[in-house]
């Protein structure tokens, strides 16, 4: 059974570490030491721990400690009996070494050894056998210790020789180090000088390079601006050309539609149920004239939703269509027949003669001589002229939107309208100018609008400009 002692040693603090309770010549004493640094466990991984004991008689004994818990800094030392050989104070030096056997740190502590009450001296006085045994044991111990001493002395001499050779080698290495340090200082001076020259050269080269880069960037910027300008012009050209094509197509379609409306307006054909009629188309049907209100096919002109009657030729659809000669002046002498009858009859001989209001109901107002049938004809003719005026007004408005310089208004005659249609320009306007140093030109104060430019560069340094 072990006799255990516990001790905590802080390597960062100087204090008096002492352990009491050791007995002389005990051979089963164990001390457990916990190493800390500022109260933090000392990490002993990869380290070794050695303890040097100095007995009261001055002899120094070496003993290695066992590391039991490296992370917690705990070591175990089984005290040799010869350490506890003498009564008194034993000083202990605990040292920690790394893998290269370099000393990291150390700490001191003291052990106090007490004499036991029961001693061998007492036994020797009582029994001679004990005396012989003690002498033999002491001699054996002395021989053993002497052997150990010689071995330790041999080890010491060997260690001293190694130390001396190491010191000699150290001195040689130190001389080399001093020489190398001098060489290093000289090399450092040369390096600093060369570095200064290099930095100056580098700064000059860097400054020159940056200046060249700035010049190149400036030139690139100018070129990019020119490219952007040319690209913008080309985009404007393409956009303007597309707009011109669309406007030209719209103009041609409008012109075709206007021309078709004019042609259709002036054409009046017999109604055909298989033909598709457009708005404003005119037809004859059963002797009457009709104008189409909506696009349709196979819908007779009598359908008031799609057609309007602009001239009625009689209820039965037959006859010449001249109400004056067919009904009121059949003998075509310029007088209404009923008026001729009235002139041939003497008013006084007439029986049951009507009064003036009754006559007015039959033939109309005698002062202006219009009749009910005449009123219908007049209204029909007014509708014809009103429809024609609507078409003419729309046509004049469309032509003025195309060219505001045309001499037209709503009171213009059809001949004047047709004459102005022939004045409308078809195609594109052209102008010329000189190319400037940036590769494009600008022409102002043109006589035509809008002023959108399409350029075409020639080898003769001339640009053809298309304005749309």
Protein backbone atom coordinates (compact mmCIF):
# COMPACT_ATOMS: atom_id res chain seq x y z
CA UNK A 1 0.00 0.00 0.00
CA UNK A 2 1.30 3.43 -1.01
CA UNK A 3 1.80 6.30 1.36
CA UNK A 4 0.55 9.25 -0.72
CA UNK A 5 1.33 12.96 -0.53
CA UNK A 6 -0.29 15.70 -2.70
CA UNK A 7 1.36 18.96 -3.72
CA UNK A 8 0.29 21.83 -6.03
CA UNK A 9 3.11 23.93 -7.52
CA UNK A 10 2.51 27.17 -9.50
CA UNK A 11 5.54 27.75 -11.75
CA UNK A 12 4.68 31.45 -12.17
CA UNK A 13 4.58 32.27 -8.49
CA UNK A 14 7.41 32.28 -6.01
CA UNK A 15 6.29 30.69 -2.78
CA UNK A 16 7.38 28.29 -0.08
CA UNK A 17 6.26 24.80 -1.09
CA UNK A 18 6.83 22.27 1.67
CA UNK A 19 5.65 18.74 2.37
CA UNK A 20 5.80 17.28 5.86
CA UNK A 21 5.15 13.80 7.19
CA UNK A 22 7.94 11.79 5.53
CA UNK A 23 9.57 9.11 7.69
CA UNK A 24 13.16 8.02 7.57
CA UNK A 25 13.93 5.03 5.31
CA UNK A 26 10.37 4.52 4.15
CA UNK A 27 10.37 2.59 0.88
CA UNK A 28 6.78 2.96 -0.41
CA UNK A 29 6.24 6.73 -0.35
CA UNK A 30 4.56 8.41 -3.37
CA UNK A 31 4.02 12.12 -3.95
CA UNK A 32 1.45 13.39 -6.51
CA UNK A 33 2.31 16.85 -7.86
CA UNK A 34 -0.08 19.09 -9.84
CA UNK A 35 1.74 21.72 -11.94
CA UNK A 36 -0.08 24.98 -12.85
CA UNK A 37 0.73 28.37 -14.36
CA UNK A 38 -1.22 31.21 -12.78
CA UNK A 39 -3.71 28.64 -11.52
CA UNK A 40 -4.13 27.16 -15.05
CA UNK A 41 -3.08 23.48 -15.49
CA UNK A 42 0.32 23.12 -17.15
CA UNK A 43 0.05 21.17 -20.44
CA UNK A 44 2.67 18.37 -20.22
CA UNK A 45 2.00 16.75 -23.61
CA UNK A 46 5.37 15.87 -25.21
CA UNK A 47 7.32 17.01 -22.10
CA UNK A 48 9.39 15.18 -19.45
CA UNK A 49 9.70 15.96 -15.72
CA UNK A 50 12.87 15.42 -13.65
CA UNK A 51 13.47 15.99 -9.91
CA UNK A 52 16.85 16.56 -8.25
CA UNK A 53 16.87 15.82 -4.50
CA UNK A 54 19.53 17.30 -2.20
CA UNK A 55 19.81 15.42 1.11
CA UNK A 56 20.93 16.99 4.38
CA UNK A 57 24.41 15.58 3.82
CA UNK A 58 24.66 17.50 0.49
CA UNK A 59 24.34 14.50 -1.82
CA UNK A 60 22.24 15.14 -4.94
CA UNK A 61 20.03 12.37 -6.26
CA UNK A 62 18.28 12.34 -9.67
CA UNK A 63 14.84 10.82 -10.20
CA UNK A 64 12.41 10.92 -13.20
CA UNK A 65 8.72 11.57 -12.60
CA UNK A 66 5.85 9.75 -14.34
CA UNK A 67 3.32 11.97 -16.18
CA UNK A 68 -0.11 10.55 -15.29
CA UNK A 69 -2.43 13.26 -16.73
CA UNK A 70 -0.64 15.53 -19.21
CA UNK A 71 -3.66 17.80 -19.90
CA UNK A 72 -4.15 18.41 -16.15
CA UNK A 73 -0.40 18.78 -15.37
CA UNK A 74 -0.32 15.85 -12.91
CA UNK A 75 2.83 13.78 -12.27
CA UNK A 76 3.67 10.90 -9.93
CA UNK A 77 7.01 10.48 -8.07
CA UNK A 78 7.80 7.35 -6.10
CA UNK A 79 10.40 8.58 -3.57
CA UNK A 80 13.54 6.46 -3.45
CA UNK A 81 14.48 5.08 -0.03
CA UNK A 82 17.92 6.67 -0.26
CA UNK A 83 16.27 10.08 -0.61
CA UNK A 84 14.69 9.48 2.80
CA UNK A 85 17.93 8.10 4.22
CA UNK A 86 18.68 10.97 6.59
CA UNK A 87 16.52 12.88 8.98
CA UNK A 88 16.13 16.55 8.20
CA UNK A 89 15.33 18.84 5.28
CA UNK A 90 15.55 17.56 1.69
CA UNK A 91 15.44 20.22 -1.02
CA UNK A 92 13.90 19.23 -4.35
CA UNK A 93 14.30 20.93 -7.74
CA UNK A 94 11.55 20.01 -10.25
CA UNK A 95 12.50 20.75 -13.90
CA UNK A 96 10.44 20.41 -17.14
CA UNK A 97 12.15 19.58 -20.46
CA UNK A 98 10.89 19.57 -24.06
CA UNK A 99 11.56 16.92 -26.71
CA UNK A 100 15.00 18.46 -27.47
CA UNK A 101 15.88 18.18 -23.76
CA UNK A 102 15.74 21.93 -23.40
CA UNK A 103 14.72 23.13 -19.98
CA UNK A 104 11.45 25.04 -20.06
CA UNK A 105 10.89 25.89 -16.41
CA UNK A 106 11.56 24.68 -12.87
CA UNK A 107 10.16 24.93 -9.36
CA UNK A 108 11.47 24.28 -5.84
CA UNK A 109 9.84 22.52 -2.94
CA UNK A 110 11.06 21.10 0.40
CA UNK A 111 10.47 17.76 2.12
CA UNK A 112 10.92 17.34 5.86
CA UNK A 113 11.97 13.82 7.05
CA UNK A 114 11.26 12.82 10.60
CA UNK A 115 12.97 10.03 12.57
CA UNK A 116 10.79 7.06 13.52
CA UNK A 117 10.24 6.14 17.15
CA UNK A 118 11.22 2.52 16.48
CA UNK A 119 14.81 2.35 15.15
CA UNK A 120 17.28 -0.34 14.25
CA UNK A 121 19.68 1.04 16.88
CA UNK A 122 17.22 -0.02 19.53
CA UNK A 123 17.10 -3.50 18.04
CA UNK A 124 20.89 -3.75 17.94
CA UNK A 125 21.08 -3.25 21.66
CA UNK A 126 18.70 -6.11 22.24
CA UNK A 127 19.87 -8.69 19.80
CA UNK A 128 23.28 -9.28 18.23
CA UNK A 129 21.72 -10.97 15.28
CA UNK A 130 20.05 -7.79 14.46
CA UNK A 131 23.41 -6.07 14.66
CA UNK A 132 24.95 -8.48 12.16
CA UNK A 133 21.93 -8.11 9.90
CA UNK A 134 22.07 -4.36 10.10
CA UNK A 135 25.81 -4.31 9.34
CA UNK A 136 25.30 -6.60 6.40
CA UNK A 137 22.38 -4.56 5.16
CA UNK A 138 24.26 -1.31 5.64
CA UNK A 139 27.32 -2.66 3.87
CA UNK A 140 25.24 -3.95 1.02
CA UNK A 141 23.55 -0.58 0.79
CA UNK A 142 26.89 1.18 0.92
CA UNK A 143 28.35 -1.05 -1.79
CA UNK A 144 25.28 -0.45 -3.89
CA UNK A 145 25.44 3.29 -3.35
CA UNK A 146 29.16 3.32 -4.09
CA UNK A 147 28.50 1.52 -7.30
CA UNK A 148 25.81 4.00 -8.14
CA UNK A 149 28.14 6.83 -7.17
CA UNK A 150 30.83 5.56 -9.51
CA UNK A 151 28.30 5.15 -12.25
CA UNK A 152 26.99 8.63 -11.57
CA UNK A 153 30.53 9.99 -11.56
CA UNK A 154 31.25 8.26 -14.84
CA UNK A 155 28.04 9.66 -16.23
CA UNK A 156 28.97 13.07 -14.87
CA UNK A 157 32.39 12.95 -16.54
CA UNK A 158 30.83 11.80 -19.78
CA UNK A 159 28.23 14.51 -19.49
CA UNK A 160 30.93 17.05 -18.72
CA UNK A 161 32.93 15.92 -21.74
CA UNK A 162 29.83 16.20 -23.87
CA UNK A 163 29.17 19.62 -22.37
CA UNK A 164 32.76 20.72 -23.06
CA UNK A 165 32.56 19.55 -26.65
CA UNK A 166 29.16 21.19 -26.97
CA UNK A 167 30.55 24.43 -25.55
CA UNK A 168 33.45 24.26 -27.99
CA UNK A 169 31.05 23.68 -30.85
CA UNK A 170 28.86 26.45 -29.52
CA UNK A 171 31.82 28.85 -29.53
CA UNK A 172 32.62 27.89 -33.11
CA UNK A 173 28.98 28.34 -34.11
CA UNK A 174 28.93 31.66 -32.31
CA UNK A 175 31.98 32.80 -34.28
CA UNK A 176 30.25 31.71 -37.46
CA UNK A 177 27.10 33.46 -36.36
CA UNK A 178 29.00 36.70 -35.69
CA UNK A 179 30.67 36.46 -39.10
CA UNK A 180 27.35 35.68 -40.74
CA UNK A 181 25.73 38.58 -38.91
CA UNK A 182 28.41 40.95 -40.20
CA UNK A 183 27.90 39.58 -43.69
CA UNK A 184 24.15 39.89 -43.25
CA UNK A 185 24.50 43.53 -42.19
CA UNK A 186 26.64 44.26 -45.25
CA UNK A 187 24.19 42.41 -47.46
CA UNK A 188 21.30 44.31 -45.87
CA UNK A 189 23.00 47.64 -46.60
CA UNK A 190 23.58 46.58 -50.20
CA UNK A 191 20.00 45.32 -50.41
CA UNK A 192 18.58 48.59 -49.05
CA UNK A 193 20.70 50.53 -51.53
CA UNK A 194 19.64 48.28 -54.42
CA UNK A 195 16.02 48.42 -53.25
CA UNK A 196 16.14 52.21 -53.19
CA UNK A 197 17.51 52.26 -56.73
CA UNK A 198 14.92 49.68 -57.81
CA UNK A 199 12.05 51.61 -56.22
CA UNK A 200 13.18 54.83 -57.89
CA UNK A 201 13.40 53.07 -61.25
CA UNK A 202 10.09 51.33 -60.65
CA UNK A 203 8.37 54.58 -59.64
CA UNK A 204 9.70 56.34 -62.72
CA UNK A 205 8.64 53.45 -64.93
CA UNK A 206 5.27 53.28 -63.18
CA UNK A 207 4.74 57.02 -63.61
CA UNK A 208 5.67 56.81 -67.28
CA UNK A 209 3.46 53.76 -67.76
CA UNK A 210 0.54 55.49 -66.04
CA UNK A 211 1.03 58.54 -68.23
CA UNK A 212 1.03 56.33 -71.32
CA UNK A 213 -2.05 54.50 -70.05
CA UNK A 214 -3.80 57.81 -69.38
CA UNK A 215 -2.95 58.97 -72.89
CA UNK A 216 -4.15 55.66 -74.32
CA UNK A 217 -7.31 55.79 -72.22
CA UNK A 218 -7.92 59.33 -73.38
CA UNK A 219 -7.43 58.26 -77.00
CA UNK A 220 -9.63 55.23 -76.41
CA UNK A 221 -12.26 57.49 -74.85
CA UNK A 222 -12.14 59.76 -77.89
CA UNK A 223 -12.38 56.76 -80.20
CA UNK A 224 -15.24 55.34 -78.13
CA UNK A 225 -17.05 58.67 -78.30
CA UNK A 226 -16.56 58.70 -82.06
CA UNK A 227 -17.76 55.10 -82.29
CA UNK A 228 -20.76 55.93 -80.10
CA UNK A 229 -21.48 58.97 -82.25
CA UNK A 230 -21.20 56.95 -85.47
CA UNK A 231 -23.25 54.14 -83.94
CA UNK A 232 -25.89 56.65 -82.85
CA UNK A 233 -25.95 58.12 -86.35
CA UNK A 234 -26.25 54.64 -87.87
CA UNK A 235 -29.03 53.79 -85.45
CA UNK A 236 -30.78 57.05 -86.32
CA UNK A 237 -30.26 56.25 -90.00
CA UNK A 238 -31.73 52.78 -89.59
CA UNK A 239 -34.59 54.07 -87.47
CA UNK A 240 -35.26 56.92 -89.88
CA UNK A 241 -35.16 54.56 -92.85
CA UNK A 242 -37.63 52.25 -91.17
CA UNK A 243 -39.83 55.21 -90.30
CA UNK A 244 -39.56 56.46 -93.88
CA UNK A 245 -40.53 53.05 -95.23
CA UNK A 246 -43.48 52.84 -92.85
CA UNK A 247 -44.55 56.39 -93.69
CA UNK A 248 -44.18 55.67 -97.39
CA UNK A 249 -46.19 52.48 -97.05
CA UNK A 250 -48.84 54.32 -95.02
CA UNK A 251 -48.88 57.13 -97.57
CA UNK A 252 -49.23 54.73 -100.47
CA UNK A 253 -51.96 52.81 -98.69
CA UNK A 254 -53.72 56.07 -97.84
CA UNK A 255 -53.30 57.32 -101.38
CA UNK A 256 -54.63 54.01 -102.75
CA UNK A 257 -57.54 54.11 -100.34
CA UNK A 258 -58.32 57.75 -101.20
CA UNK A 259 -58.06 57.02 -104.90
CA UNK A 260 -60.24 53.93 -104.48
CA UNK A 261 -62.81 55.95 -102.53
CA UNK A 262 -62.84 58.61 -105.23
CA UNK A 263 -63.17 56.00 -107.96
CA UNK A 264 -65.82 54.08 -106.04
CA UNK A 265 -67.64 57.27 -105.23
CA UNK A 266 -67.87 58.18 -108.89
CA UNK A 267 -68.95 54.66 -109.95
CA UNK A 268 -72.56 53.54 -109.71
CA UNK A 269 -73.24 50.00 -110.93
CA UNK A 270 -76.13 47.58 -110.89
CA UNK A 271 -76.47 45.65 -107.64
CA UNK A 272 -74.80 42.18 -107.68
CA UNK A 273 -75.60 39.84 -104.76
CA UNK A 274 -72.29 37.95 -105.20
CA UNK A 275 -70.07 41.04 -104.94
CA UNK A 276 -68.66 42.35 -101.66
CA UNK A 277 -69.48 46.06 -101.29
CA UNK A 278 -67.46 48.60 -99.30
CA UNK A 279 -68.63 51.70 -97.52
CA UNK A 280 -69.63 54.53 -99.96
CA UNK A 281 -70.10 52.08 -102.90
CA UNK A 282 -73.17 53.03 -104.98
CA UNK A 283 -75.57 50.75 -106.84
CA UNK A 284 -78.89 50.85 -108.68
CA UNK A 285 -81.65 48.54 -107.56
CA UNK A 286 -85.19 48.44 -108.99
CA UNK A 287 -84.59 51.82 -110.58
CA UNK A 288 -83.43 53.56 -107.34
CA UNK A 289 -79.94 54.65 -106.24
CA UNK A 290 -78.39 53.36 -102.99
CA UNK A 291 -75.16 54.06 -101.07
CA UNK A 292 -73.47 51.39 -98.88
CA UNK A 293 -73.19 52.27 -95.17
CA UNK A 294 -71.28 49.14 -93.99
CA UNK A 295 -69.17 46.52 -95.73
CA UNK A 296 -71.52 43.70 -96.75
CA UNK A 297 -72.25 40.93 -99.24
CA UNK A 298 -75.57 39.44 -100.41
CA UNK A 299 -77.59 42.06 -98.49
CA UNK A 300 -80.11 43.87 -100.71
CA UNK A 301 -79.99 47.68 -100.80
CA UNK A 302 -83.44 47.87 -99.25
CA UNK A 303 -81.84 46.82 -95.92
CA UNK A 304 -81.67 50.18 -94.11
CA UNK A 305 -78.90 49.05 -91.70
CA UNK A 306 -76.40 48.53 -94.54
CA UNK A 307 -77.79 50.81 -97.29
CA UNK A 308 -79.30 54.28 -97.70
CA UNK A 309 -81.52 55.30 -100.60
CA UNK A 310 -80.17 58.47 -102.18
CA UNK A 311 -82.61 58.64 -105.16
CA UNK A 312 -85.93 56.81 -105.53
CA UNK A 313 -87.23 56.10 -108.99
CA UNK A 314 -90.90 55.34 -108.32
CA UNK A 315 -92.70 52.91 -106.14
CA UNK A 316 -92.93 50.20 -108.79
CA UNK A 317 -89.37 50.64 -109.93
CA UNK A 318 -90.35 51.37 -113.55
CA UNK A 319 -90.51 54.54 -115.64
CA UNK A 320 -87.96 57.12 -116.56
CA UNK A 321 -87.59 58.41 -113.07
CA UNK A 322 -88.57 61.95 -114.11
CA UNK A 323 -91.52 62.86 -111.85
CA UNK A 324 -92.07 66.11 -113.76
CA UNK A 325 -92.66 64.57 -117.19
CA UNK A 326 -94.19 61.31 -116.00
CA UNK A 327 -96.76 62.75 -113.62
CA UNK A 328 -97.08 66.54 -113.70
CA UNK A 329 -96.24 67.52 -117.30
CA UNK A 330 -97.00 64.53 -119.49
CA UNK A 331 -97.33 66.62 -122.67
CA UNK A 332 -93.98 68.23 -121.89
CA UNK A 333 -95.11 71.72 -122.71
CA UNK A 334 -93.62 73.19 -119.56
CA UNK A 335 -96.90 73.52 -117.71
CA UNK A 336 -98.34 71.26 -115.08
CA UNK A 337 -101.21 69.35 -116.58
CA UNK A 338 -103.58 70.15 -113.78
CA UNK A 339 -102.73 73.80 -114.22
CA UNK A 340 -103.63 73.58 -117.90
CA UNK A 341 -106.98 72.05 -116.96
CA UNK A 342 -107.52 74.83 -114.50
CA UNK A 343 -106.76 77.43 -117.15
CA UNK A 344 -109.27 75.88 -119.57
CA UNK A 345 -112.12 75.94 -117.14
CA UNK A 346 -113.98 79.02 -116.19
CA UNK A 347 -114.11 79.29 -112.47
CA UNK A 348 -117.64 80.57 -112.35
CA UNK A 349 -119.08 77.50 -114.10
CA UNK A 350 -117.46 75.05 -111.67
CA UNK A 351 -119.74 73.28 -109.27
CA UNK A 352 -118.50 72.27 -105.85
CA UNK A 353 -115.32 74.20 -106.48
CA UNK A 354 -112.73 73.80 -103.69
CA UNK A 355 -111.37 76.71 -101.76
CA UNK A 356 -107.71 77.68 -101.71
CA UNK A 357 -106.71 75.74 -98.54
CA UNK A 358 -108.17 72.56 -100.03
CA UNK A 359 -106.15 73.05 -103.17
CA UNK A 360 -103.04 73.59 -101.11
CA UNK A 361 -103.59 70.20 -99.52
CA UNK A 362 -103.72 68.59 -102.96
CA UNK A 363 -100.98 70.31 -104.90
CA UNK A 364 -99.11 72.42 -102.38
CA UNK A 365 -98.55 76.17 -101.87
CA UNK A 366 -99.71 78.02 -104.98
CA UNK A 367 -97.32 80.91 -104.27
CA UNK A 368 -94.11 78.80 -104.43
CA UNK A 369 -95.62 75.93 -106.40
CA UNK A 370 -93.78 73.05 -104.58
CA UNK A 371 -95.71 69.80 -104.22
CA UNK A 372 -95.43 67.01 -101.71
CA UNK A 373 -93.76 64.77 -104.30
CA UNK A 374 -91.43 67.59 -105.25
CA UNK A 375 -90.42 67.96 -101.60
CA UNK A 376 -89.43 64.28 -101.52
CA UNK A 377 -87.32 64.71 -104.63
CA UNK A 378 -85.65 67.81 -103.21
CA UNK A 379 -84.84 65.98 -99.97
CA UNK A 380 -83.36 63.08 -101.94
CA UNK A 381 -81.17 65.42 -103.95
CA UNK A 382 -80.05 67.18 -100.76
CA UNK A 383 -79.00 63.80 -99.30
CA UNK A 384 -76.97 63.12 -102.43
CA UNK A 385 -75.13 66.42 -102.13
CA UNK A 386 -74.73 66.02 -98.36
CA UNK A 387 -73.09 62.57 -98.76
CA UNK A 388 -70.85 63.93 -101.48
CA UNK A 389 -69.79 66.84 -99.28
CA UNK A 390 -68.95 64.47 -96.40
CA UNK A 391 -66.67 62.43 -98.66
CA UNK A 392 -65.09 65.59 -100.03
CA UNK A 393 -64.46 67.04 -96.56
CA UNK A 394 -62.81 63.81 -95.33
CA UNK A 395 -60.67 63.64 -98.46
CA UNK A 396 -59.53 67.27 -98.07
CA UNK A 397 -58.63 66.64 -94.40
CA UNK A 398 -56.56 63.53 -95.29
CA UNK A 399 -54.70 65.39 -98.08
CA UNK A 400 -53.86 68.34 -95.82
CA UNK A 401 -52.44 65.95 -93.17
CA UNK A 402 -50.14 64.56 -95.84
CA UNK A 403 -49.05 67.97 -97.19
CA UNK A 404 -50.08 71.17 -95.42
CA UNK A 405 -48.88 73.24 -98.39
CA UNK A 406 -51.72 72.04 -100.66
CA UNK A 407 -54.17 74.79 -101.67
CA UNK A 408 -57.34 73.02 -100.51
CA UNK A 409 -60.34 73.64 -98.28
CA UNK A 410 -63.85 72.23 -97.84
CA UNK A 411 -65.20 74.55 -100.55
CA UNK A 412 -62.71 73.35 -103.20
CA UNK A 413 -64.13 71.79 -106.35
CA UNK A 414 -63.49 68.17 -107.31
CA UNK A 415 -61.28 69.31 -110.19
CA UNK A 416 -59.16 71.35 -107.76
CA UNK A 417 -58.92 68.36 -105.38
CA UNK A 418 -57.76 66.00 -108.16
CA UNK A 419 -55.22 68.61 -109.34
CA UNK A 420 -53.74 68.89 -105.81
CA UNK A 421 -53.54 65.09 -105.44
CA UNK A 422 -51.24 65.02 -108.47
CA UNK A 423 -48.95 67.54 -106.71
CA UNK A 424 -48.18 65.18 -103.80
CA UNK A 425 -44.54 64.10 -103.92
CA UNK A 426 -43.83 60.38 -104.02
CA UNK A 427 -40.47 59.04 -102.80
CA UNK A 428 -37.70 60.66 -100.69
CA UNK A 429 -36.20 64.14 -100.54
CA UNK A 430 -32.45 64.55 -101.05
CA UNK A 431 -29.77 67.01 -100.03
CA UNK A 432 -25.95 67.07 -100.04
CA UNK A 433 -23.24 68.35 -97.71
CA UNK A 434 -19.55 68.00 -96.81
CA UNK A 435 -18.19 65.50 -94.25
CA UNK A 436 -16.45 67.07 -91.26
CA UNK A 437 -13.48 65.59 -89.41
CA UNK A 438 -15.76 63.55 -87.15
CA UNK A 439 -17.22 61.65 -90.08
CA UNK A 440 -20.70 63.16 -90.30
CA UNK A 441 -22.43 66.34 -91.43
CA UNK A 442 -25.40 68.50 -90.45
CA UNK A 443 -27.60 70.48 -92.86
CA UNK A 444 -30.18 72.97 -91.60
CA UNK A 445 -32.78 75.34 -93.05
CA UNK A 446 -34.17 72.72 -95.43
CA UNK A 447 -37.38 73.45 -97.28
CA UNK A 448 -39.01 70.12 -96.46
CA UNK A 449 -39.98 68.35 -93.22
CA UNK A 450 -39.41 66.32 -91.09
CA UNK A 451 -35.60 66.76 -91.01
CA UNK A 452 -34.45 63.17 -90.40
CA UNK A 453 -31.09 62.49 -92.06
CA UNK A 454 -29.97 59.27 -93.73
CA UNK A 455 -26.29 59.43 -94.74
CA UNK A 456 -24.38 57.48 -97.38
CA UNK A 457 -20.61 58.12 -97.48
CA UNK A 458 -19.11 58.43 -100.98
CA UNK A 459 -15.50 58.04 -102.09
CA UNK A 460 -15.64 61.62 -103.36
CA UNK A 461 -15.93 62.88 -99.77
CA UNK A 462 -19.63 63.67 -100.37
CA UNK A 463 -22.58 62.43 -98.35
CA UNK A 464 -26.02 61.84 -99.82
CA UNK A 465 -28.66 62.77 -97.26
CA UNK A 466 -32.19 61.37 -97.34
CA UNK A 467 -34.75 63.36 -95.36
CA UNK A 468 -38.03 61.74 -94.45
